[in-house]
Amino acid sequence: MTSHRWDEATWRRFETLDPRRVVAILPVGAIDAHGPHLPTGTDNLIALAMAEDAARRLATRERGALVRPPVADTAAPF
């Protein structure tokens, strides 16, 4: 199974990509307190999982996608 992670791709992988058929997906999540049972990065983990799922789905349609490393956008206001 081919990885869809941008940060795991080699420069040789980038050479094989057709820029007309590839998209970059940027997962964005907040840093938020989820109580004592979940880490503060939970939203980023969810965003990353959703982005990787989207990349796999695009691959089945003969499209390429690379998932960028997630961005922790901001703390939630509560």
Protein backbone atom coordinates (compact mmCIF):
# COMPACT_ATOMS: atom_id res chain seq x y z
CA MET A 1 0.00 0.00 0.00
CA THR A 2 1.38 3.38 -1.02
CA SER A 3 1.58 6.05 1.62
CA HIS A 4 -0.32 9.25 0.93
CA ARG A 5 1.68 11.24 3.48
CA TRP A 6 3.63 14.20 2.09
CA ASP A 7 6.25 13.90 4.83
CA GLU A 8 6.88 10.24 3.96
CA ALA A 9 7.30 10.82 0.20
CA THR A 10 10.74 10.80 -1.38
CA TRP A 11 11.76 13.17 -4.15
CA ARG A 12 11.48 10.22 -6.54
CA ARG A 13 7.81 9.91 -5.61
CA PHE A 14 7.27 13.59 -6.35
CA GLU A 15 8.89 13.12 -9.79
CA THR A 16 6.28 10.51 -10.69
CA LEU A 17 3.29 12.73 -9.86
CA ASP A 18 1.32 14.46 -12.58
CA PRO A 19 0.58 17.97 -11.26
CA ARG A 20 -2.65 18.06 -13.30
CA ARG A 21 -4.00 15.04 -11.42
CA VAL A 22 -2.68 15.52 -7.87
CA VAL A 23 -3.97 17.61 -4.99
CA ALA A 24 -2.47 18.41 -1.61
CA ILE A 25 -4.74 18.01 1.39
CA LEU A 26 -4.02 20.14 4.47
CA PRO A 27 -5.60 18.79 7.67
CA VAL A 28 -6.33 21.57 10.18
CA GLY A 29 -7.51 21.13 13.75
CA ALA A 30 -7.67 23.04 16.99
CA ILE A 31 -5.74 22.44 20.17
CA ASP A 32 -8.53 21.86 22.64
CA ALA A 33 -9.04 20.37 26.05
CA HIS A 34 -11.15 17.23 25.69
CA GLY A 35 -11.28 16.39 29.34
CA PRO A 36 -8.93 14.07 31.20
CA HIS A 37 -9.50 11.14 28.83
CA LEU A 38 -8.29 12.51 25.44
CA PRO A 39 -5.14 14.40 24.39
CA THR A 40 -5.31 18.06 23.35
CA GLY A 41 -4.27 17.09 19.81
CA THR A 42 -7.37 14.95 19.22
CA ASP A 43 -8.81 17.35 16.63
CA ASN A 44 -5.59 17.16 14.61
CA LEU A 45 -5.61 13.37 14.78
CA ILE A 46 -9.18 13.34 13.47
CA ALA A 47 -8.36 15.82 10.69
CA LEU A 48 -5.34 13.72 9.66
CA ALA A 49 -7.38 10.51 9.58
CA MET A 50 -10.08 12.19 7.46
CA ALA A 51 -7.48 13.57 5.05
CA GLU A 52 -5.82 10.16 4.66
CA ASP A 53 -9.22 8.60 3.97
CA ALA A 54 -9.92 11.24 1.31
CA ALA A 55 -6.52 10.54 -0.30
CA ARG A 56 -7.29 6.80 -0.45
CA ARG A 57 -10.69 7.51 -2.03
CA LEU A 58 -9.13 9.80 -4.63
CA ALA A 59 -6.61 7.08 -5.50
CA THR A 60 -9.46 4.72 -6.40
CA ARG A 61 -10.62 7.34 -8.92
CA GLU A 62 -7.18 7.53 -10.53
CA ARG A 63 -6.42 10.85 -8.88
CA GLY A 64 -3.44 11.52 -6.70
CA ALA A 65 -3.38 13.18 -3.33
CA LEU A 66 -0.71 13.87 -0.78
CA VAL A 67 -1.62 14.68 2.80
CA ARG A 68 0.40 17.51 4.28
CA PRO A 69 1.38 17.37 7.97
CA PRO A 70 -1.50 18.64 10.13
CA VAL A 71 -1.65 22.24 11.29
CA ALA A 72 -2.73 23.04 14.83
CA ASP A 73 -4.67 26.18 13.99
CA THR A 74 -5.68 27.67 17.31
CA ALA A 75 -6.96 26.89 20.75
CA ALA A 76 -10.71 26.57 20.96
CA PRO A 77 -12.30 29.46 22.94
CA PHE A 78 -13.74 27.27 25.68
